[in-house]
Amino acid sequence: MEQWIANHARAVVDSVLYSVIGAAVLLGAFWIIEKILPFSLRKEIAEDQNVGLGIILGAFILGMSLIISAAIRG
């Protein structure tokens, strides 16, 4: 068991580290988009029920996730 841990510890640490970095980059991109737009994303989606903006925001998150994944994968 100790040998397995020794062999796989580095991979687990790398995976956790890349996951944290990827999540931070995604949150940073979302924060930048929130600051750039002239309206409140939360108000438009939650209060005004703007479905179109929700779809665009979902596509943005998926696109950024794919870009981050490709950058991490190399």
Protein backbone atom coordinates (compact mmCIF):
# COMPACT_ATOMS: atom_id res chain seq x y z
CA MET A 1 0.00 0.00 0.00
CA GLU A 2 2.82 2.41 0.83
CA GLN A 3 4.41 1.76 -2.54
CA TRP A 4 1.14 2.61 -4.31
CA ILE A 5 0.87 5.85 -2.37
CA ALA A 6 4.48 6.72 -3.17
CA ASN A 7 3.90 6.05 -6.87
CA HIS A 8 0.65 7.98 -7.15
CA ALA A 9 1.04 10.81 -4.64
CA ARG A 10 2.65 13.14 -7.17
CA ALA A 11 -0.15 12.58 -9.70
CA VAL A 12 -2.83 13.25 -7.09
CA VAL A 13 -1.11 16.43 -5.91
CA ASP A 14 -0.71 17.62 -9.51
CA SER A 15 -4.38 16.93 -10.26
CA VAL A 16 -5.56 18.84 -7.21
CA LEU A 17 -3.20 21.73 -7.97
CA TYR A 18 -4.31 22.00 -11.59
CA SER A 19 -7.97 21.80 -10.52
CA VAL A 20 -7.52 24.68 -8.09
CA ILE A 21 -5.64 26.76 -10.67
CA GLY A 22 -8.27 26.04 -13.32
CA ALA A 23 -11.11 27.00 -10.99
CA ALA A 24 -9.29 30.22 -10.04
CA VAL A 25 -8.78 31.16 -13.69
CA LEU A 26 -12.45 30.44 -14.45
CA LEU A 27 -13.61 32.55 -11.52
CA GLY A 28 -11.22 35.32 -12.57
CA ALA A 29 -12.61 35.30 -16.11
CA PHE A 30 -16.17 35.41 -14.75
CA TRP A 31 -15.23 38.32 -12.47
CA ILE A 32 -13.73 40.23 -15.41
CA ILE A 33 -16.88 39.68 -17.48
CA GLU A 34 -19.02 40.91 -14.57
CA LYS A 35 -16.93 44.10 -14.32
CA ILE A 36 -16.88 44.77 -18.08
CA LEU A 37 -20.63 44.44 -18.67
CA PRO A 38 -22.72 47.57 -18.02
CA PHE A 39 -25.46 45.58 -16.24
CA SER A 40 -25.66 43.15 -13.34
CA LEU A 41 -25.54 39.52 -14.43
CA ARG A 42 -27.16 38.35 -11.22
CA LYS A 43 -30.05 40.81 -11.54
CA GLU A 44 -30.66 40.00 -15.20
CA ILE A 45 -30.67 36.23 -14.68
CA ALA A 46 -32.29 35.91 -11.25
CA GLU A 47 -34.76 38.79 -11.07
CA ASP A 48 -35.53 39.52 -14.73
CA GLN A 49 -35.46 35.83 -15.78
CA ASN A 50 -33.32 36.59 -18.84
CA VAL A 51 -33.00 33.12 -20.39
CA GLY A 52 -30.92 34.33 -23.34
CA LEU A 53 -28.26 35.78 -21.05
CA GLY A 54 -28.25 32.55 -19.05
CA ILE A 55 -27.56 30.55 -22.22
CA ILE A 56 -24.78 32.95 -23.27
CA LEU A 57 -23.23 32.81 -19.80
CA GLY A 58 -23.39 29.00 -19.81
CA ALA A 59 -21.69 28.92 -23.22
CA PHE A 60 -19.00 31.30 -21.91
CA ILE A 61 -18.34 29.05 -18.91
CA LEU A 62 -18.15 25.92 -21.10
CA GLY A 63 -15.84 27.66 -23.56
CA MET A 64 -13.51 28.92 -20.85
CA SER A 65 -13.49 25.46 -19.26
CA LEU A 66 -12.44 23.89 -22.56
CA ILE A 67 -9.68 26.47 -23.03
CA ILE A 68 -8.39 25.94 -19.48
CA SER A 69 -8.53 22.16 -19.92
CA ALA A 70 -6.56 22.35 -23.17
CA ALA A 71 -3.98 24.64 -21.56
CA ILE A 72 -3.51 22.28 -18.63
CA ARG A 73 -3.35 19.20 -20.83
CA GLY A 74 -0.67 20.81 -22.98
